[in-house]
N, C-alpha and C. Protein backbone atom coordinates (compact mmCIF):
# COMPACT_ATOMS: atom_id res chain seq x y z
N MET A 1 -20.97 -35.81 -11.76
CA MET A 1 -19.97 -36.81 -12.30
C MET A 1 -20.73 -37.84 -11.72
N ALA A 2 -20.80 -39.17 -11.91
CA ALA A 2 -21.69 -40.31 -11.45
C ALA A 2 -20.56 -40.98 -10.90
N LYS A 3 -21.19 -41.49 -9.68
CA LYS A 3 -20.41 -42.00 -8.44
C LYS A 3 -20.69 -43.54 -9.19
N LEU A 4 -19.74 -44.35 -9.21
CA LEU A 4 -19.75 -45.71 -9.20
C LEU A 4 -19.49 -46.56 -8.02
N LYS A 5 -19.97 -47.72 -8.09
CA LYS A 5 -20.11 -48.76 -6.88
C LYS A 5 -19.84 -49.75 -7.54
N MET A 6 -18.69 -50.78 -6.49
CA MET A 6 -18.55 -51.81 -7.19
C MET A 6 -19.43 -53.05 -6.23
N THR A 7 -19.19 -54.15 -7.26
CA THR A 7 -20.06 -55.31 -7.07
C THR A 7 -19.03 -55.83 -5.71
N GLY A 8 -19.73 -57.02 -5.38
CA GLY A 8 -19.57 -57.75 -4.16
C GLY A 8 -18.34 -58.82 -4.93
N PHE A 9 -18.76 -58.97 -5.79
CA PHE A 9 -17.72 -59.66 -6.61
C PHE A 9 -16.32 -59.29 -7.22
N ALA A 10 -16.40 -57.73 -7.31
CA ALA A 10 -15.42 -57.02 -7.52
C ALA A 10 -14.60 -56.31 -6.51
N ARG A 11 -15.19 -56.56 -5.75
CA ARG A 11 -14.50 -56.32 -3.93
C ARG A 11 -13.94 -57.73 -3.83
N LEU A 12 -14.41 -58.90 -3.66
CA LEU A 12 -13.69 -60.47 -3.95
C LEU A 12 -12.22 -60.06 -4.52
N LEU A 13 -12.51 -59.51 -5.81
CA LEU A 13 -11.21 -59.57 -6.64
C LEU A 13 -10.05 -58.87 -6.02
N VAL A 14 -10.34 -57.86 -5.43
CA VAL A 14 -9.44 -57.02 -5.19
C VAL A 14 -8.88 -57.38 -3.70
N ALA A 15 -9.67 -57.94 -3.11
CA ALA A 15 -9.27 -58.50 -1.75
C ALA A 15 -8.26 -59.67 -1.88
N MET A 16 -8.62 -60.68 -2.86
CA MET A 16 -7.84 -61.67 -3.35
C MET A 16 -6.80 -61.12 -3.47
N ILE A 17 -6.35 -60.09 -4.63
CA ILE A 17 -5.08 -59.53 -5.08
C ILE A 17 -4.00 -59.42 -3.86
N PHE A 18 -4.59 -59.02 -2.69
CA PHE A 18 -3.70 -59.01 -1.92
C PHE A 18 -3.48 -60.02 -0.62
N ILE A 19 -4.78 -60.70 -0.58
CA ILE A 19 -4.87 -61.69 0.49
C ILE A 19 -3.98 -62.62 0.02
N VAL A 20 -4.35 -63.10 -1.46
CA VAL A 20 -3.37 -64.48 -1.76
C VAL A 20 -1.60 -64.32 -1.87
N PRO A 21 -1.25 -63.44 -2.30
CA PRO A 21 0.28 -63.61 -1.68
C PRO A 21 0.97 -63.46 -0.55
N LEU A 22 0.11 -62.58 0.40
CA LEU A 22 0.27 -62.43 1.79
C LEU A 22 0.17 -63.86 2.54
N ALA A 23 -0.53 -64.78 1.94
CA ALA A 23 -1.01 -66.36 2.16
C ALA A 23 -0.12 -66.99 1.78
N TYR A 24 0.26 -66.63 1.19
CA TYR A 24 1.75 -67.89 -0.02
C TYR A 24 2.71 -67.57 1.10
N LEU A 25 2.90 -65.95 1.00
CA LEU A 25 4.46 -65.84 1.53
C LEU A 25 4.47 -66.54 3.47
N GLY A 26 3.02 -65.81 3.73
CA GLY A 26 3.09 -66.70 5.07
C GLY A 26 3.14 -68.47 5.44
N ALA A 27 2.96 -68.91 4.47
CA ALA A 27 2.65 -70.59 4.42
C ALA A 27 4.17 -70.99 4.21
N THR A 28 4.76 -69.86 3.07
CA THR A 28 6.46 -70.02 3.23
C THR A 28 7.36 -70.05 4.12
N PHE A 29 6.99 -68.92 5.07
CA PHE A 29 7.89 -68.09 5.73
C PHE A 29 7.99 -69.19 6.88
N ILE A 30 6.44 -69.82 7.34
CA ILE A 30 6.25 -71.28 8.66
C ILE A 30 7.52 -72.04 7.87
N ASN A 31 7.25 -72.55 6.70
CA ASN A 31 7.89 -73.75 6.47
C ASN A 31 9.24 -73.51 5.94
N GLY A 32 9.58 -72.62 6.21
CA GLY A 32 11.20 -72.20 6.05
C GLY A 32 11.90 -71.97 5.21
N GLY A 33 11.06 -71.56 4.27
CA GLY A 33 11.60 -71.09 2.76
C GLY A 33 11.28 -69.48 2.80
N ASP A 34 11.92 -69.31 1.99
CA ASP A 34 11.99 -67.79 1.49
C ASP A 34 11.28 -67.14 -0.01
N GLY A 35 9.90 -66.92 0.73
CA GLY A 35 8.78 -66.73 -0.32
C GLY A 35 8.79 -65.98 -1.20
N LEU A 36 9.44 -64.56 -0.57
CA LEU A 36 9.61 -63.58 -1.68
C LEU A 36 10.14 -63.84 -2.60
N THR A 37 11.56 -64.69 -2.58
CA THR A 37 12.09 -65.25 -3.50
C THR A 37 11.50 -65.77 -4.09
N ASP A 38 10.95 -66.81 -4.22
CA ASP A 38 9.89 -67.93 -4.71
C ASP A 38 8.99 -66.87 -5.38
N LEU A 39 8.41 -66.14 -4.86
CA LEU A 39 7.40 -65.32 -6.06
C LEU A 39 7.90 -64.70 -6.65
N LYS A 40 9.54 -63.77 -6.54
CA LYS A 40 9.88 -62.97 -7.74
C LYS A 40 10.18 -64.21 -9.11
N GLU A 41 10.67 -64.96 -8.59
CA GLU A 41 10.75 -66.40 -9.40
C GLU A 41 9.34 -66.69 -9.94
N LEU A 42 8.52 -67.48 -9.38
CA LEU A 42 7.82 -67.52 -10.21
C LEU A 42 6.95 -66.49 -11.37
N LEU A 43 6.96 -65.26 -10.48
CA LEU A 43 5.94 -64.41 -11.59
C LEU A 43 7.17 -63.50 -12.64
N GLY A 44 8.52 -64.02 -12.64
CA GLY A 44 9.39 -63.78 -13.76
C GLY A 44 10.39 -62.47 -13.09
N ILE A 45 9.64 -61.99 -12.67
CA ILE A 45 10.02 -60.59 -11.81
C ILE A 45 11.63 -60.48 -11.71
N GLU A 46 12.64 -61.25 -11.48
CA GLU A 46 13.98 -61.52 -10.86
C GLU A 46 14.18 -62.69 -11.35
N THR A 47 15.07 -63.13 -12.23
CA THR A 47 15.38 -64.19 -12.42
C THR A 47 17.19 -64.36 -11.07
N PRO A 48 17.11 -65.53 -11.03
CA PRO A 48 18.50 -65.97 -9.62
C PRO A 48 19.84 -65.58 -10.67
N ALA A 49 21.04 -64.46 -9.83
CA ALA A 49 22.00 -64.45 -11.13
C ALA A 49 22.89 -65.71 -11.25
N THR A 50 22.56 -66.50 -10.44
CA THR A 50 23.21 -68.17 -10.08
C THR A 50 22.52 -69.06 -9.92
N THR A 51 22.66 -69.97 -10.56
CA THR A 51 22.16 -71.41 -10.57
C THR A 51 22.12 -72.01 -9.48
N PRO A 52 21.66 -72.61 -8.50
CA PRO A 52 22.30 -73.52 -7.40
C PRO A 52 23.12 -74.83 -8.09
N VAL A 53 23.79 -75.22 -7.83
CA VAL A 53 24.62 -75.73 -7.89
C VAL A 53 24.66 -77.11 -7.36
N GLU A 54 24.37 -78.37 -8.12
CA GLU A 54 24.19 -79.55 -6.96
C GLU A 54 25.37 -80.25 -6.71
N GLU A 55 25.51 -80.62 -5.46
CA GLU A 55 27.13 -81.45 -5.04
C GLU A 55 26.44 -82.64 -5.46
N THR A 56 27.59 -83.64 -6.36
CA THR A 56 27.73 -84.58 -6.70
C THR A 56 28.77 -85.24 -5.84
N LYS A 57 28.99 -86.55 -5.03
CA LYS A 57 29.65 -87.16 -4.56
C LYS A 57 30.28 -88.11 -5.15
N ALA A 58 31.28 -88.14 -5.44
CA ALA A 58 32.34 -89.25 -6.41
C ALA A 58 32.25 -90.51 -5.95
N GLU A 59 31.73 -91.53 -6.34
CA GLU A 59 31.65 -92.96 -5.49
C GLU A 59 32.72 -93.67 -5.92
N ILE A 60 33.15 -94.11 -4.76
CA ILE A 60 34.35 -94.73 -4.65
C ILE A 60 34.28 -95.70 -4.53
N PRO A 61 34.86 -96.61 -5.68
CA PRO A 61 34.62 -98.72 -5.53
C PRO A 61 35.23 -98.88 -4.27
N THR A 62 34.60 -99.73 -3.59
CA THR A 62 34.66 -100.47 -2.37
C THR A 62 35.50 -101.83 -2.73
N LYS A 63 35.40 -102.19 -4.15
CA LYS A 63 36.38 -103.60 -4.51
C LYS A 63 37.33 -103.25 -6.02
N ARG A 64 38.16 -103.17 -5.90
CA ARG A 64 38.45 -103.11 -7.08
C ARG A 64 38.45 -103.92 -8.49
N ASN A 65 38.88 -105.28 -7.67
CA ASN A 65 38.98 -106.79 -8.66
C ASN A 65 37.71 -107.28 -7.65
N GLU A 66 36.45 -107.18 -8.48
CA GLU A 66 35.24 -108.00 -7.59
C GLU A 66 35.53 -109.20 -8.85
N VAL A 67 35.64 -110.46 -8.09
CA VAL A 67 35.33 -111.59 -8.28
C VAL A 67 34.20 -112.07 -9.02
N PRO A 68 33.79 -112.63 -9.86
CA PRO A 68 32.55 -113.39 -9.66
C PRO A 68 31.91 -114.99 -9.12
N PRO A 69 31.01 -114.51 -8.54
CA PRO A 69 30.87 -115.94 -7.79
C PRO A 69 31.20 -116.92 -7.99
N PRO A 70 31.19 -118.16 -7.41
CA PRO A 70 31.46 -119.43 -8.14
C PRO A 70 30.29 -120.07 -8.64
N MET A 71 31.05 -121.15 -9.33
CA MET A 71 29.74 -121.77 -9.90
C MET A 71 28.67 -122.53 -8.52
N GLU A 72 29.22 -122.91 -7.53
CA GLU A 72 28.60 -123.59 -6.51
C GLU A 72 27.22 -122.38 -6.26
N LYS A 73 27.94 -121.09 -5.90
CA LYS A 73 27.19 -120.00 -5.34
C LYS A 73 25.99 -119.76 -6.09
N ALA A 74 26.03 -120.39 -7.76
CA ALA A 74 24.95 -119.58 -8.67
C ALA A 74 24.31 -120.61 -8.42
N GLY A 75 24.61 -122.15 -8.13
CA GLY A 75 23.52 -123.16 -8.05
C GLY A 75 22.81 -122.56 -7.14
N GLN A 76 22.78 -122.63 -5.69
CA GLN A 76 22.13 -121.96 -4.56
C GLN A 76 21.46 -121.05 -5.03
N ASP A 77 21.44 -120.05 -5.52
CA ASP A 77 20.59 -119.24 -5.97
C ASP A 77 19.34 -119.62 -6.62
N GLU A 78 19.41 -120.44 -7.95
CA GLU A 78 18.64 -121.33 -8.19
C GLU A 78 17.63 -122.16 -7.58
N GLU A 79 18.52 -123.27 -6.40
CA GLU A 79 17.82 -123.53 -5.05
C GLU A 79 16.80 -122.54 -4.45
N ALA A 80 17.38 -121.83 -4.48
CA ALA A 80 16.61 -120.77 -3.27
C ALA A 80 15.39 -120.06 -4.13
N MET A 81 15.94 -120.03 -5.34
CA MET A 81 14.30 -119.70 -5.85
C MET A 81 13.31 -120.59 -6.51
N ASP A 82 13.84 -122.01 -6.82
CA ASP A 82 13.07 -123.28 -6.52
C ASP A 82 12.03 -123.10 -5.51
N GLU A 83 12.91 -123.15 -4.18
CA GLU A 83 12.16 -123.01 -2.76
C GLU A 83 10.90 -121.81 -2.84
N LEU A 84 11.82 -120.81 -3.31
CA LEU A 84 10.40 -119.34 -3.00
C LEU A 84 9.39 -119.60 -4.16
N ARG A 85 9.63 -120.08 -4.93
CA ARG A 85 8.11 -120.54 -5.97
C ARG A 85 7.78 -121.48 -5.52
N ASP A 86 7.97 -122.86 -5.00
CA ASP A 86 6.92 -123.59 -4.23
C ASP A 86 6.50 -123.32 -3.37
N LYS A 87 6.65 -122.30 -2.78
CA LYS A 87 6.24 -121.55 -1.38
C LYS A 87 5.28 -120.82 -1.75
N LEU A 88 5.21 -120.01 -2.61
CA LEU A 88 4.17 -118.85 -3.85
C LEU A 88 3.35 -120.02 -3.81
N ASN A 89 3.62 -121.33 -4.45
CA ASN A 89 2.35 -121.94 -5.19
C ASN A 89 1.44 -122.14 -3.79
N GLU A 90 2.16 -122.63 -3.17
CA GLU A 90 1.75 -123.67 -1.79
C GLU A 90 0.71 -122.49 -1.83
N MET A 91 1.28 -121.06 -1.19
CA MET A 91 0.26 -120.12 -0.83
C MET A 91 -0.96 -119.51 -1.63
N TYR A 92 -0.52 -119.45 -3.10
CA TYR A 92 -1.71 -119.37 -3.91
C TYR A 92 -2.85 -120.93 -3.78
N ASP A 93 -2.11 -121.51 -3.55
CA ASP A 93 -3.36 -122.70 -3.41
C ASP A 93 -4.00 -122.67 -2.04
N GLU A 94 -3.33 -122.54 -1.42
CA GLU A 94 -3.95 -122.06 0.26
C GLU A 94 -5.29 -121.10 0.30
N ASN A 95 -4.55 -119.86 -0.83
CA ASN A 95 -5.30 -118.34 -0.95
C ASN A 95 -7.02 -119.01 -1.66
N SER A 96 -6.42 -119.81 -2.69
CA SER A 96 -7.59 -120.15 -3.38
C SER A 96 -9.04 -121.10 -2.43
N ALA A 97 -8.52 -122.17 -1.76
CA ALA A 97 -9.19 -122.83 -0.95
C ALA A 97 -10.09 -121.87 0.18
N LEU A 98 -9.23 -120.71 0.63
CA LEU A 98 -9.91 -120.13 1.51
C LEU A 98 -10.81 -119.37 0.84
N LYS A 99 -10.72 -118.61 -0.44
CA LYS A 99 -11.59 -118.07 -1.26
C LYS A 99 -13.14 -119.08 -1.70
N GLU A 100 -13.19 -120.24 -1.65
CA GLU A 100 -13.79 -120.86 -2.41
C GLU A 100 -14.69 -121.34 -0.69
N GLU A 101 -14.11 -121.10 0.41
CA GLU A 101 -14.75 -121.62 1.78
C GLU A 101 -15.30 -120.33 2.21
N ILE A 102 -15.17 -119.42 1.92
CA ILE A 102 -15.85 -117.75 2.08
C ILE A 102 -17.27 -117.98 1.36
N VAL A 103 -16.92 -118.27 -0.30
CA VAL A 103 -18.32 -118.22 -1.19
C VAL A 103 -19.19 -119.49 -0.36
N LYS A 104 -18.83 -120.56 0.00
CA LYS A 104 -19.52 -121.46 0.66
C LYS A 104 -20.24 -121.10 1.88
N LEU A 105 -19.61 -120.15 3.18
CA LEU A 105 -20.10 -119.89 3.86
C LEU A 105 -20.69 -118.54 3.87
N ARG A 106 -20.77 -117.66 2.84
CA ARG A 106 -21.78 -116.69 2.15
C ARG A 106 -23.09 -117.47 2.10
N LYS A 107 -22.79 -118.79 1.29
CA LYS A 107 -23.72 -118.81 0.45
C LYS A 107 -25.03 -119.79 1.53
N GLN A 108 -24.43 -120.62 2.65
CA GLN A 108 -24.93 -121.11 4.03
C GLN A 108 -25.65 -119.96 5.07
N LEU A 109 -24.63 -118.84 4.89
CA LEU A 109 -25.53 -117.57 5.74
C LEU A 109 -26.56 -116.76 4.71
N LYS A 110 -26.28 -116.66 3.74
CA LYS A 110 -27.52 -116.34 3.10
C LYS A 110 -29.18 -117.06 3.27
N GLU A 111 -29.03 -118.37 3.29
CA GLU A 111 -29.69 -119.55 2.96
C GLU A 111 -30.04 -119.52 4.55
N ALA A 112 -29.60 -119.12 5.45
CA ALA A 112 -30.05 -119.46 6.81
C ALA A 112 -30.61 -118.11 7.07
N THR A 113 -30.27 -116.74 6.88
CA THR A 113 -31.06 -115.73 6.96
C THR A 113 -32.28 -115.36 6.13
N GLU A 114 -32.59 -116.55 5.00
CA GLU A 114 -33.66 -116.24 4.26
C GLU A 114 -34.69 -117.03 4.74
N GLU A 115 -34.33 -118.36 5.87
CA GLU A 115 -34.92 -118.98 6.71
C GLU A 115 -35.94 -118.59 7.27
């Protein structure tokens, strides 16, 4: 009978068949999971008998009769929005001015280094 030899790649594949699952089990064990059950579910060998039920908490309303805010408060919200919009516009203008200054300074620096 002829003797068969395995190539290096075939040896690697056979070794990986054992190494990869053991590494997965070790990693899930270290992370606190149940790796064997996860592996069985992943391969479809064993399906869980019961599906885990998510616990939901019933939301209890804190106020039963919520009164809409009076019109004065609604006007204050618009005023606050206008103030924030003005502040945003000021910051945008300042940002644009700083960008222009950076471009100007880079140009001056380039001219100074060329001389």
